[in-house]
Amino acid sequence: MTRWQVEADMDAETTGGSGKDFSPAPRGFYTIQVADIKDGMTNKTPPRPMVILECEIADGHYLGKKVWHTIVQIKKGDKGHGIMVHSLHAFGMPHDGDLDFDTDQFQGKQAAALLGVKPYTKVVAGKSYTNMVNYIEELYTENNPQPSELPPDPLKKEQPGHPALTHAAVNAEEQEDLCPF
């Protein structure tokens, strides 16, 4: 048994919680900015260098909402090289020719993005937790400009006789590679 000796202030009583809203931003176009960088290696064979960019919405009502983007280093000619180049381009990084840069140069870089919302399931101590999270549907550059209207949501499927149903299947193993939490 532990004895407590503390002064309490009834006027400071709250119902708990951090006061932060952890819900995702609604699907839409946003400017995102790199807030933190984590270097790593893929768990595929052979392992490849990767950088996980923790990004935040950079302006507007949803300022500070987070989304993560992983860029894997893929050599020219290999499958996936084009998406690596596109991601580098979108974040204003060198993206053509012989590249030589430190990943800390991503810090503070901004990109135009379409953010979607999807379920993310994590298993902790044998118990599954599912939350809705933002993800990057598309990054935009001058070669791939942002459209004037939202494109159809790729996670919604039309079924005969039913309104659009949310597609909830998430490949948790794949997400584990990409998401830092």
Protein backbone atom coordinates (compact mmCIF):
# COMPACT_ATOMS: atom_id res chain seq x y z
CA MET A 1 0.00 0.00 0.00
CA THR A 2 1.24 3.48 -0.93
CA ARG A 3 0.15 6.56 0.95
CA TRP A 4 -0.60 9.63 -1.19
CA GLN A 5 0.14 13.10 0.09
CA VAL A 6 -0.70 15.69 -2.57
CA GLU A 7 -2.52 19.00 -2.85
CA ALA A 8 -5.53 18.87 -5.20
CA ASP A 9 -7.37 21.66 -7.02
CA MET A 10 -11.05 20.96 -7.72
CA ASP A 11 -11.09 23.76 -10.35
CA ALA A 12 -8.50 21.83 -12.40
CA GLU A 13 -10.67 18.69 -12.67
CA THR A 14 -10.94 17.29 -16.21
CA THR A 15 -12.42 14.17 -17.71
CA GLY A 16 -9.02 12.99 -18.90
CA GLY A 17 -7.58 12.56 -22.34
CA SER A 18 -4.92 14.67 -23.94
CA GLY A 19 -7.31 17.13 -25.52
CA LYS A 20 -5.86 16.19 -28.92
CA ASP A 21 -8.04 15.04 -31.78
CA PHE A 22 -6.43 11.95 -33.29
CA SER A 23 -9.06 11.49 -35.99
CA PRO A 24 -7.73 11.73 -39.55
CA ALA A 25 -8.27 14.71 -41.83
CA PRO A 26 -11.03 14.12 -44.38
CA ARG A 27 -10.06 12.89 -47.83
CA GLY A 28 -8.80 15.83 -49.87
CA PHE A 29 -5.94 17.86 -51.30
CA TYR A 30 -3.34 19.13 -48.81
CA THR A 31 0.16 20.54 -48.64
CA ILE A 32 2.22 18.24 -46.45
CA GLN A 33 5.58 18.99 -44.86
CA VAL A 34 8.27 16.60 -43.61
CA ALA A 35 8.45 16.88 -39.81
CA ASP A 36 10.67 13.89 -39.03
CA ILE A 37 12.79 11.33 -40.84
CA LYS A 38 13.59 7.73 -39.98
CA ASP A 39 16.12 5.77 -42.03
CA GLY A 40 15.86 2.01 -42.29
CA MET A 41 16.07 -1.06 -44.47
CA THR A 42 13.26 -3.06 -46.05
CA ASN A 43 12.72 -6.56 -44.71
CA LYS A 44 12.64 -8.00 -48.23
CA THR A 45 15.50 -9.95 -49.81
CA PRO A 46 17.75 -8.28 -50.69
CA PRO A 47 17.17 -5.50 -48.14
CA ARG A 48 17.07 -2.00 -49.60
CA PRO A 49 17.66 1.38 -47.94
CA MET A 50 14.48 3.30 -47.20
CA VAL A 51 13.44 6.53 -45.53
CA ILE A 52 10.18 6.95 -43.64
CA LEU A 53 8.94 10.53 -43.81
CA GLU A 54 6.65 11.63 -40.99
CA CYS A 55 4.67 14.43 -42.59
CA GLU A 56 2.18 16.92 -41.23
CA ILE A 57 -0.51 18.89 -42.98
CA ALA A 58 1.17 22.26 -43.40
CA ASP A 59 -1.78 24.65 -43.40
CA GLY A 60 -5.51 25.11 -42.93
CA HIS A 61 -7.96 23.64 -40.48
CA TYR A 62 -6.16 20.28 -40.27
CA LEU A 63 -2.73 21.79 -39.61
CA GLY A 64 -0.46 19.25 -37.90
CA LYS A 65 -2.43 16.08 -38.75
CA LYS A 66 0.09 13.36 -39.55
CA VAL A 67 0.66 11.02 -42.47
CA TRP A 68 3.67 8.83 -43.26
CA HIS A 69 5.35 8.19 -46.59
CA THR A 70 8.06 5.61 -47.25
CA ILE A 71 10.54 5.95 -50.09
CA VAL A 72 12.60 2.88 -50.92
CA GLN A 73 15.87 3.25 -52.83
CA ILE A 74 15.41 1.25 -56.04
CA LYS A 75 18.05 1.20 -58.74
CA LYS A 76 17.39 2.29 -62.30
CA GLY A 77 15.72 -0.45 -64.33
CA ASP A 78 14.20 -2.27 -61.34
CA LYS A 79 10.47 -2.44 -60.71
CA GLY A 80 9.44 0.46 -58.48
CA HIS A 81 12.20 2.83 -59.60
CA GLY A 82 9.69 5.19 -61.22
CA ILE A 83 7.65 5.66 -58.02
CA MET A 84 10.87 6.38 -56.10
CA VAL A 85 11.76 9.07 -58.68
CA HIS A 86 8.22 10.50 -58.50
CA SER A 87 8.37 10.71 -54.68
CA LEU A 88 11.77 12.43 -54.77
CA HIS A 89 10.45 14.88 -57.37
CA ALA A 90 7.26 15.63 -55.38
CA PHE A 91 9.30 16.53 -52.28
CA GLY A 92 11.67 18.77 -54.26
CA MET A 93 14.65 16.44 -53.99
CA PRO A 94 17.20 15.57 -56.72
CA HIS A 95 15.48 13.04 -58.99
CA ASP A 96 17.46 12.66 -62.22
CA GLY A 97 20.97 11.49 -63.05
CA ASP A 98 23.55 10.37 -60.47
CA LEU A 99 22.01 11.22 -57.10
CA ASP A 100 24.02 11.92 -53.97
CA PHE A 101 22.19 13.42 -50.98
CA ASP A 102 21.60 12.83 -47.30
CA THR A 103 18.07 11.88 -46.24
CA ASP A 104 18.11 14.66 -43.62
CA GLN A 105 17.68 17.03 -46.61
CA PHE A 106 14.01 15.93 -46.66
CA GLN A 107 13.49 17.85 -43.40
CA GLY A 108 11.01 20.68 -43.94
CA LYS A 109 10.36 19.80 -47.59
CA GLN A 110 6.76 20.18 -48.76
CA ALA A 111 4.67 18.28 -51.30
CA ALA A 112 1.19 18.59 -52.75
CA ALA A 113 -0.77 15.45 -51.93
CA LEU A 114 -4.16 13.80 -52.07
CA LEU A 115 -4.74 12.23 -48.66
CA GLY A 116 -7.17 9.38 -48.27
CA VAL A 117 -8.58 7.71 -45.16
CA LYS A 118 -8.39 3.98 -44.45
CA PRO A 119 -8.53 1.57 -41.53
CA TYR A 120 -5.24 0.49 -39.97
CA THR A 121 -5.15 -2.55 -37.69
CA LYS A 122 -2.37 -3.15 -35.21
CA VAL A 123 -2.03 -6.15 -32.91
CA VAL A 124 -0.63 -5.46 -29.44
CA ALA A 125 -0.22 -8.31 -26.95
CA GLY A 126 -2.62 -10.46 -28.98
CA LYS A 127 -5.37 -7.82 -29.12
CA SER A 128 -6.30 -6.07 -32.40
CA TYR A 129 -6.87 -2.32 -32.53
CA THR A 130 -8.27 -0.65 -35.63
CA ASN A 131 -8.15 3.10 -36.22
CA MET A 132 -8.86 5.24 -39.24
CA VAL A 133 -5.68 6.89 -40.55
CA ASN A 134 -4.65 9.16 -43.39
CA TYR A 135 -2.52 7.81 -46.22
CA ILE A 136 -1.07 9.38 -49.34
CA GLU A 137 -3.13 8.43 -52.39
CA GLU A 138 -1.15 10.61 -54.78
CA LEU A 139 1.72 13.09 -54.85
CA TYR A 140 1.64 15.89 -57.39
CA THR A 141 4.36 17.54 -59.50
CA GLU A 142 4.34 19.78 -62.55
CA ASN A 143 4.43 16.57 -64.64
CA ASN A 144 1.46 15.14 -62.69
CA PRO A 145 -0.57 18.19 -61.62
CA GLN A 146 -3.29 18.18 -59.00
CA PRO A 147 -6.72 17.83 -60.63
CA SER A 148 -9.41 20.45 -60.07
CA GLU A 149 -11.78 17.90 -58.52
CA LEU A 150 -11.29 14.92 -56.21
CA PRO A 151 -10.93 11.68 -58.19
CA PRO A 152 -13.07 8.69 -57.15
CA ASP A 153 -12.03 7.15 -53.83
CA PRO A 154 -10.09 3.93 -54.62
CA LEU A 155 -11.27 2.37 -51.33
CA LYS A 156 -14.95 2.69 -52.23
CA LYS A 157 -16.53 -0.02 -54.33
CA GLU A 158 -19.87 0.23 -56.07
CA GLN A 159 -21.99 -2.89 -55.70
CA PRO A 160 -25.31 -3.48 -57.48
CA GLY A 161 -28.21 -2.50 -55.23
CA HIS A 162 -25.92 -0.94 -52.59
CA PRO A 163 -24.49 2.52 -52.11
CA ALA A 164 -20.71 2.77 -52.24
CA LEU A 165 -19.29 0.49 -49.57
CA THR A 166 -16.01 1.16 -47.86
CA HIS A 167 -13.36 -1.38 -48.73
CA ALA A 168 -11.91 -2.31 -45.32
CA ALA A 169 -9.37 -4.96 -46.24
CA VAL A 170 -5.92 -3.79 -45.18
CA ASN A 171 -2.76 -5.78 -45.68
CA ALA A 172 -1.34 -5.34 -42.16
CA GLU A 173 1.95 -7.03 -43.04
CA GLU A 174 2.54 -4.57 -45.88
CA GLN A 175 1.57 -1.63 -43.67
CA GLU A 176 3.98 -2.75 -40.97
CA ASP A 177 6.82 -2.24 -43.47
CA LEU A 178 5.63 1.28 -44.23
CA CYS A 179 4.19 2.68 -41.02
CA PRO A 180 6.49 3.59 -38.10
CA PHE A 181 3.95 2.82 -35.34
